Structures are given as C-alpha cells and as structure tokens.
C-alpha atoms as a PDB file:
ATOM      1  CA  UNK A   1       0.000   0.000   0.000  1.00  0.00           C
ATOM      2  CA  UNK A   2       1.402   3.376  -0.957  1.00  0.00           C
ATOM      3  CA  UNK A   3       2.044   6.026   1.680  1.00  0.00           C
ATOM      4  CA  UNK A   4      -0.457   8.417   0.064  1.00  0.00           C
ATOM      5  CA  UNK A   5      -3.215   5.817   0.157  1.00  0.00           C
ATOM      6  CA  UNK A   6      -2.348   4.816   3.723  1.00  0.00           C
ATOM      7  CA  UNK A   7      -2.472   8.459   4.828  1.00  0.00           C
ATOM      8  CA  UNK A   8      -5.783   8.980   3.036  1.00  0.00           C
ATOM      9  CA  UNK A   9      -7.298   5.947   4.758  1.00  0.00           C
ATOM     10  CA  UNK A  10      -6.017   7.151   8.144  1.00  0.00           C
ATOM     11  CA  UNK A  11      -7.579  10.566   7.539  1.00  0.00           C
ATOM     12  CA  UNK A  12     -10.845   8.901   6.558  1.00  0.00           C
ATOM     13  CA  UNK A  13     -10.774   6.711   9.683  1.00  0.00           C
ATOM     14  CA  UNK A  14      -9.978   9.687  11.955  1.00  0.00           C
ATOM     15  CA  UNK A  15     -12.754  11.709  10.338  1.00  0.00           C
ATOM     16  CA  UNK A  16     -15.270   8.900  10.848  1.00  0.00           C
ATOM     17  CA  UNK A  17     -14.166   8.353  14.458  1.00  0.00           C
ATOM     18  CA  UNK A  18     -14.345  12.034  15.381  1.00  0.00           C
ATOM     19  CA  UNK A  19     -17.692  12.606  13.613  1.00  0.00           C
ATOM     20  CA  UNK A  20     -19.894   9.817  14.994  1.00  0.00           C
ATOM     21  CA  UNK A  21     -23.091  11.261  13.529  1.00  0.00           C
ATOM     22  CA  UNK A  22     -21.704  11.149   9.991  1.00  0.00           C
ATOM     23  CA  UNK A  23     -24.213   9.574   7.639  1.00  0.00           C
ATOM     24  CA  UNK A  24     -23.332   6.774   5.257  1.00  0.00           C
ATOM     25  CA  UNK A  25     -23.705   9.189   2.343  1.00  0.00           C
ATOM     26  CA  UNK A  26     -21.382  11.611   4.100  1.00  0.00           C
ATOM     27  CA  UNK A  27     -18.755   8.912   4.580  1.00  0.00           C
ATOM     28  CA  UNK A  28     -18.946   7.841   0.934  1.00  0.00           C
ATOM     29  CA  UNK A  29     -18.791  11.471  -0.205  1.00  0.00           C
ATOM     30  CA  UNK A  30     -15.839  12.153   2.050  1.00  0.00           C
ATOM     31  CA  UNK A  31     -13.974   9.088   0.764  1.00  0.00           C
ATOM     32  CA  UNK A  32     -14.694  10.113  -2.822  1.00  0.00           C
ATOM     33  CA  UNK A  33     -13.409  13.634  -2.159  1.00  0.00           C
ATOM     34  CA  UNK A  34     -10.249  12.274  -0.502  1.00  0.00           C
ATOM     35  CA  UNK A  35      -9.586  10.006  -3.481  1.00  0.00           C
ATOM     36  CA  UNK A  36     -10.153  12.896  -5.871  1.00  0.00           C
ATOM     37  CA  UNK A  37      -7.867  15.107  -3.769  1.00  0.00           C
ATOM     38  CA  UNK A  38      -5.044  12.575  -3.991  1.00  0.00           C
ATOM     39  CA  UNK A  39      -5.686  12.044  -7.705  1.00  0.00           C
ATOM     40  CA  UNK A  40      -5.789   8.323  -7.146  1.00  0.00           C
ATOM     41  CA  UNK A  41      -6.817   6.077 -10.008  1.00  0.00           C
ATOM     42  CA  UNK A  42      -7.208   2.470  -8.972  1.00  0.00           C
ATOM     43  CA  UNK A  43      -7.137  -0.731 -10.968  1.00  0.00           C
ATOM     44  CA  UNK A  44     -10.360  -2.710 -10.586  1.00  0.00           C
ATOM     45  CA  UNK A  45      -9.068  -4.980  -7.819  1.00  0.00           C
ATOM     46  CA  UNK A  46      -8.048  -1.992  -5.710  1.00  0.00           C
ATOM     47  CA  UNK A  47     -11.404  -0.325  -6.397  1.00  0.00           C
ATOM     48  CA  UNK A  48     -13.133  -3.438  -5.093  1.00  0.00           C
ATOM     49  CA  UNK A  49     -11.019  -3.271  -1.913  1.00  0.00           C
ATOM     50  CA  UNK A  50     -11.873   0.409  -1.417  1.00  0.00           C
ATOM     51  CA  UNK A  51     -15.571  -0.322  -1.904  1.00  0.00           C
ATOM     52  CA  UNK A  52     -15.286  -3.188   0.566  1.00  0.00           C
ATOM     53  CA  UNK A  53     -13.560  -0.924   3.085  1.00  0.00           C
ATOM     54  CA  UNK A  54     -16.259   1.712   2.614  1.00  0.00           C
ATOM     55  CA  UNK A  55     -18.993  -0.854   3.220  1.00  0.00           C
ATOM     56  CA  UNK A  56     -17.127  -2.102   6.288  1.00  0.00           C
ATOM     57  CA  UNK A  57     -16.777   1.392   7.768  1.00  0.00           C
ATOM     58  CA  UNK A  58     -20.431   2.189   7.090  1.00  0.00           C
ATOM     59  CA  UNK A  59     -21.592  -1.096   8.601  1.00  0.00           C
ATOM     60  CA  UNK A  60     -19.446  -0.492  11.713  1.00  0.00           C
ATOM     61  CA  UNK A  61     -21.048   2.930  12.095  1.00  0.00           C
ATOM     62  CA  UNK A  62     -24.503   1.455  11.647  1.00  0.00           C
ATOM     63  CA  UNK A  63     -23.941  -1.434  14.073  1.00  0.00           C
ATOM     64  CA  UNK A  64     -22.707   0.579  17.059  1.00  0.00           C
ATOM     65  CA  UNK A  65     -24.869   3.616  16.455  1.00  0.00           C
ATOM     66  CA  UNK A  66     -21.765   5.804  16.221  1.00  0.00           C
ATOM     67  CA  UNK A  67     -21.012   5.445  19.953  1.00  0.00           C
ATOM     68  CA  UNK A  68     -17.615   3.828  19.661  1.00  0.00           C
END
C-alpha cells in the first residue's frame, strides 16, 4: 500500500471516528473527495477493496450507532 493511500485511509478513519453522527452518504462522499484530492486512479481490484472498506466502515457505524 502506498504512503499516500495509507495516509488517506487514516484521515478517513480519523474523520469517521471524530464525527460519529456522519451519515453513510457523508462517509462515501468524504472518501470520494479524498480520493479525488489525492488524484488516485485504482485498478479494478483496488477499487473493489476500497468499496469493501467503505462498506465495512459504514456497517461499523450502523452497528454501534456511532457510539464507539
């Protein structure tokens, strides 16, 4: 994993953790804006991993009600 991508994912995670009321749409929008900001273009397999990570983050938020 490249440093830029790792840093982007850390920023996304910190944003999600510090904004517990963030909606799923907000998370997806934020991730999309981060990817656009870094000018990242992924091959399909990496895109699938990013989508999977997004779904995971959203499902974590949904399951704990944003308390954790």
